[in-house]
Amino acid sequence: MSSNIKKRKKGLFFWLTFCFFFLLYLIFYGSLAYEFGFVYIWGVGLVASFFFAWFLSIIAFVLKNGSSKRG
């Protein structure tokens, strides 16, 4: 049961990070959608946000596992 909770926390961290980066992207670059097109700007934002959230999830996972093995 505790492994199920850990999986949810990992997933929640990823999706919260993803939403944060996507909203941040839209705040700064959302106005470019009128010039370049909504599909293009949203596509770039989704891919970039997904990559950053994925990368930070891996770093958080490695740091958490590294610190638990030491102690």
N, C-alpha and C. Protein backbone atom coordinates (compact mmCIF):
# COMPACT_ATOMS: atom_id res chain seq x y z
N MET A 1 0.82 -1.19 0.00
CA MET A 1 0.00 0.00 0.00
C MET A 1 0.86 1.26 0.00
N SER A 2 1.98 1.22 0.71
CA SER A 2 2.84 2.40 0.75
C SER A 2 3.49 2.65 -0.60
N SER A 3 3.74 1.58 -1.39
CA SER A 3 4.32 1.80 -2.72
C SER A 3 3.32 2.51 -3.63
N ASN A 4 2.04 2.25 -3.43
CA ASN A 4 1.00 2.93 -4.21
C ASN A 4 0.98 4.42 -3.88
N ILE A 5 1.18 4.76 -2.62
CA ILE A 5 1.22 6.17 -2.21
C ILE A 5 2.46 6.85 -2.79
N LYS A 6 3.60 6.14 -2.80
CA LYS A 6 4.83 6.70 -3.37
C LYS A 6 4.66 6.97 -4.86
N LYS A 7 4.00 6.06 -5.57
CA LYS A 7 3.77 6.27 -7.00
C LYS A 7 2.89 7.50 -7.23
N ARG A 8 1.90 7.68 -6.38
CA ARG A 8 1.03 8.85 -6.52
C ARG A 8 1.79 10.14 -6.25
N LYS A 9 2.69 10.12 -5.27
CA LYS A 9 3.47 11.32 -4.97
C LYS A 9 4.39 11.67 -6.12
N LYS A 10 5.01 10.65 -6.74
CA LYS A 10 5.87 10.90 -7.90
C LYS A 10 5.06 11.48 -9.05
N GLY A 11 3.90 10.89 -9.29
CA GLY A 11 3.04 11.38 -10.36
C GLY A 11 2.53 12.78 -10.08
N LEU A 12 2.17 13.03 -8.84
CA LEU A 12 1.68 14.35 -8.46
C LEU A 12 2.77 15.39 -8.61
N PHE A 13 3.99 15.06 -8.21
CA PHE A 13 5.11 15.99 -8.37
C PHE A 13 5.32 16.32 -9.84
N PHE A 14 5.28 15.29 -10.69
CA PHE A 14 5.47 15.51 -12.12
C PHE A 14 4.39 16.42 -12.69
N TRP A 15 3.12 16.13 -12.40
CA TRP A 15 2.04 16.90 -12.99
C TRP A 15 1.97 18.32 -12.44
N LEU A 16 2.27 18.50 -11.17
CA LEU A 16 2.30 19.86 -10.62
C LEU A 16 3.43 20.67 -11.24
N THR A 17 4.59 20.05 -11.41
CA THR A 17 5.72 20.73 -12.05
C THR A 17 5.39 21.04 -13.50
N PHE A 18 4.77 20.09 -14.18
CA PHE A 18 4.38 20.29 -15.58
C PHE A 18 3.42 21.48 -15.71
N CYS A 19 2.40 21.50 -14.88
CA CYS A 19 1.42 22.60 -14.93
C CYS A 19 2.06 23.94 -14.60
N PHE A 20 2.97 23.94 -13.63
CA PHE A 20 3.66 25.18 -13.26
C PHE A 20 4.46 25.72 -14.44
N PHE A 21 5.25 24.87 -15.08
CA PHE A 21 6.06 25.33 -16.21
C PHE A 21 5.20 25.73 -17.40
N PHE A 22 4.11 25.01 -17.63
CA PHE A 22 3.25 25.35 -18.76
C PHE A 22 2.55 26.69 -18.54
N LEU A 23 2.07 26.93 -17.34
CA LEU A 23 1.44 28.23 -17.04
C LEU A 23 2.46 29.36 -17.10
N LEU A 24 3.66 29.11 -16.60
CA LEU A 24 4.72 30.10 -16.68
C LEU A 24 5.05 30.42 -18.13
N TYR A 25 5.12 29.38 -18.96
CA TYR A 25 5.38 29.57 -20.39
C TYR A 25 4.27 30.40 -21.03
N LEU A 26 3.02 30.07 -20.73
CA LEU A 26 1.91 30.80 -21.34
C LEU A 26 1.86 32.25 -20.88
N ILE A 27 2.27 32.51 -19.65
CA ILE A 27 2.28 33.89 -19.16
C ILE A 27 3.26 34.73 -19.98
N PHE A 28 4.44 34.18 -20.25
CA PHE A 28 5.47 34.96 -20.94
C PHE A 28 5.36 34.90 -22.46
N TYR A 29 4.94 33.75 -23.01
CA TYR A 29 4.95 33.59 -24.46
C TYR A 29 3.58 33.36 -25.07
N GLY A 30 2.53 33.38 -24.28
CA GLY A 30 1.19 33.14 -24.80
C GLY A 30 0.73 34.18 -25.80
N SER A 31 1.21 35.40 -25.66
CA SER A 31 0.80 36.46 -26.59
C SER A 31 1.37 36.25 -27.99
N LEU A 32 2.39 35.42 -28.13
CA LEU A 32 2.94 35.14 -29.45
C LEU A 32 2.04 34.23 -30.28
N ALA A 33 1.01 33.67 -29.65
CA ALA A 33 0.11 32.77 -30.37
C ALA A 33 -0.60 33.49 -31.51
N TYR A 34 -0.87 34.77 -31.35
CA TYR A 34 -1.54 35.51 -32.42
C TYR A 34 -0.63 35.69 -33.63
N GLU A 35 0.67 35.71 -33.39
CA GLU A 35 1.61 35.90 -34.49
C GLU A 35 2.01 34.58 -35.13
N PHE A 36 2.27 33.55 -34.32
CA PHE A 36 2.78 32.29 -34.84
C PHE A 36 1.73 31.19 -34.93
N GLY A 37 0.62 31.34 -34.28
CA GLY A 37 -0.43 30.33 -34.30
C GLY A 37 -0.54 29.62 -32.96
N PHE A 38 -1.77 29.34 -32.59
CA PHE A 38 -2.01 28.74 -31.28
C PHE A 38 -1.45 27.33 -31.17
N VAL A 39 -1.60 26.55 -32.23
CA VAL A 39 -1.13 25.16 -32.19
C VAL A 39 0.38 25.11 -32.02
N TYR A 40 1.09 25.97 -32.72
CA TYR A 40 2.55 25.98 -32.63
C TYR A 40 3.01 26.40 -31.24
N ILE A 41 2.49 27.49 -30.72
CA ILE A 41 2.91 28.00 -29.41
C ILE A 41 2.53 27.03 -28.31
N TRP A 42 1.32 26.49 -28.35
CA TRP A 42 0.91 25.52 -27.33
C TRP A 42 1.73 24.24 -27.44
N GLY A 43 2.05 23.82 -28.66
CA GLY A 43 2.87 22.62 -28.86
C GLY A 43 4.26 22.78 -28.28
N VAL A 44 4.88 23.91 -28.56
CA VAL A 44 6.21 24.18 -28.01
C VAL A 44 6.14 24.24 -26.49
N GLY A 45 5.13 24.89 -25.96
CA GLY A 45 4.97 24.99 -24.51
C GLY A 45 4.76 23.65 -23.85
N LEU A 46 3.93 22.81 -24.46
CA LEU A 46 3.67 21.48 -23.90
C LEU A 46 4.92 20.61 -23.91
N VAL A 47 5.65 20.63 -25.01
CA VAL A 47 6.87 19.81 -25.11
C VAL A 47 7.93 20.31 -24.14
N ALA A 48 8.14 21.61 -24.09
CA ALA A 48 9.15 22.16 -23.17
C ALA A 48 8.77 21.91 -21.72
N SER A 49 7.52 22.11 -21.38
CA SER A 49 7.07 21.88 -20.00
C SER A 49 7.19 20.41 -19.62
N PHE A 50 6.84 19.53 -20.55
CA PHE A 50 6.96 18.10 -20.29
C PHE A 50 8.41 17.72 -20.04
N PHE A 51 9.32 18.24 -20.87
CA PHE A 51 10.74 17.92 -20.71
C PHE A 51 11.27 18.42 -19.37
N PHE A 52 10.98 19.66 -19.01
CA PHE A 52 11.47 20.20 -17.74
C PHE A 52 10.89 19.45 -16.55
N ALA A 53 9.61 19.11 -16.60
CA ALA A 53 8.99 18.36 -15.50
C ALA A 53 9.59 16.97 -15.39
N TRP A 54 9.82 16.32 -16.52
CA TRP A 54 10.44 14.99 -16.54
C TRP A 54 11.85 15.06 -15.97
N PHE A 55 12.62 16.05 -16.39
CA PHE A 55 13.99 16.20 -15.93
C PHE A 55 14.04 16.47 -14.42
N LEU A 56 13.18 17.35 -13.93
CA LEU A 56 13.16 17.64 -12.49
C LEU A 56 12.67 16.45 -11.68
N SER A 57 11.76 15.66 -12.24
CA SER A 57 11.30 14.46 -11.54
C SER A 57 12.43 13.46 -11.38
N ILE A 58 13.24 13.31 -12.41
CA ILE A 58 14.39 12.40 -12.33
C ILE A 58 15.39 12.91 -11.30
N ILE A 59 15.68 14.20 -11.31
CA ILE A 59 16.62 14.76 -10.34
C ILE A 59 16.09 14.58 -8.92
N ALA A 60 14.82 14.85 -8.71
CA ALA A 60 14.23 14.68 -7.37
C ALA A 60 14.28 13.22 -6.94
N PHE A 61 14.03 12.30 -7.85
CA PHE A 61 14.08 10.88 -7.54
C PHE A 61 15.49 10.45 -7.16
N VAL A 62 16.49 10.90 -7.92
CA VAL A 62 17.88 10.55 -7.64
C VAL A 62 18.33 11.15 -6.31
N LEU A 63 18.00 12.40 -6.06
CA LEU A 63 18.39 13.03 -4.80
C LEU A 63 17.73 12.36 -3.60
N LYS A 64 16.48 11.99 -3.75
CA LYS A 64 15.77 11.35 -2.65
C LYS A 64 16.34 9.96 -2.37
N ASN A 65 16.61 9.18 -3.41
CA ASN A 65 17.17 7.85 -3.22
C ASN A 65 18.61 7.91 -2.75
N GLY A 66 19.36 8.90 -3.21
CA GLY A 66 20.75 9.04 -2.76
C GLY A 66 20.84 9.41 -1.30
N SER A 67 19.95 10.27 -0.84
CA SER A 67 19.99 10.69 0.57
C SER A 67 19.47 9.59 1.49
N SER A 68 18.54 8.75 1.02
CA SER A 68 18.02 7.69 1.87
C SER A 68 19.01 6.54 2.01
N LYS A 69 19.87 6.33 1.03
CA LYS A 69 20.87 5.25 1.11
C LYS A 69 22.01 5.63 2.03
N ARG A 70 22.30 6.91 2.15
CA ARG A 70 23.40 7.34 3.02
C ARG A 70 23.05 7.20 4.49
N GLY A 71 21.81 7.52 4.83
CA GLY A 71 21.42 7.58 6.24
C GLY A 71 20.86 6.32 6.69
